[in-house]
Every structure is written in C-alpha cells, then in structure tokens.
Amino acid sequence: MDFLLLAPAGARIVLEVDGQTHYASEQAPPDGQRRWLPDGNEYARTVAANRDLTLAGYEVYRFGTTELHDEDQARPLVTAFFNSLFRRHHIALPR
C-alpha cells in the first residue's frame, strides 16, 4: 500500500502507484543481459493484493507510474481524481 487516506464516515482509501515491479520481474534471458520482462506471477500477486484490500473494506485506486512522470500531464489527472474522490466522500476543501 503506497498511501492510505482515512476519510469521513470511516472510509479507507488506498492509493497505489504501480511501476514495473507490479507486473514484471528482472530476468536474465538467454542472451544473459538482465532486463525487466512481463511476469504473470507478479501481476497475479498485484491483483490478489487488490482483491484482499477491497474485501477488507478499502477502496483501492491505482495509477501507473507513466501517468505521473510528466508533471504537466500528471497535475490535471491528479487534480481531477482528487476532486472526484472528495465529491464522492462529501469532503469540502477550504477555498
């Protein structure tokens, strides 16, 4: 769990930022050069953890790291996300 937000009315919100470790593993293919390659087992662990959190009563929201690399692209995405999340949970921000 990367971030945990405790919202009014007992809501527990998990924010995950998923990099390559959530869907790939470092491997040495036949050429001997280590690199990150897709790994179904890593992905299965990620989605299993997501299910466990959801079943335990957490809201889970995932972002891919590439969505957040460029600040000019990330800022509107994150702003819109939090605006929607806060509306959903009736959280008013001070003006």
Foldseek 3Di string as FASTA:
>chain_A
DPDWDQAPPRAIEAEEEDELQQFWDWDQPPVRDTDTDGDPVSVVVNVVVVVVCVVVRHHYDYHYVVCPPDPVRNVVVVVVVVVVVCVVRVNDDDD
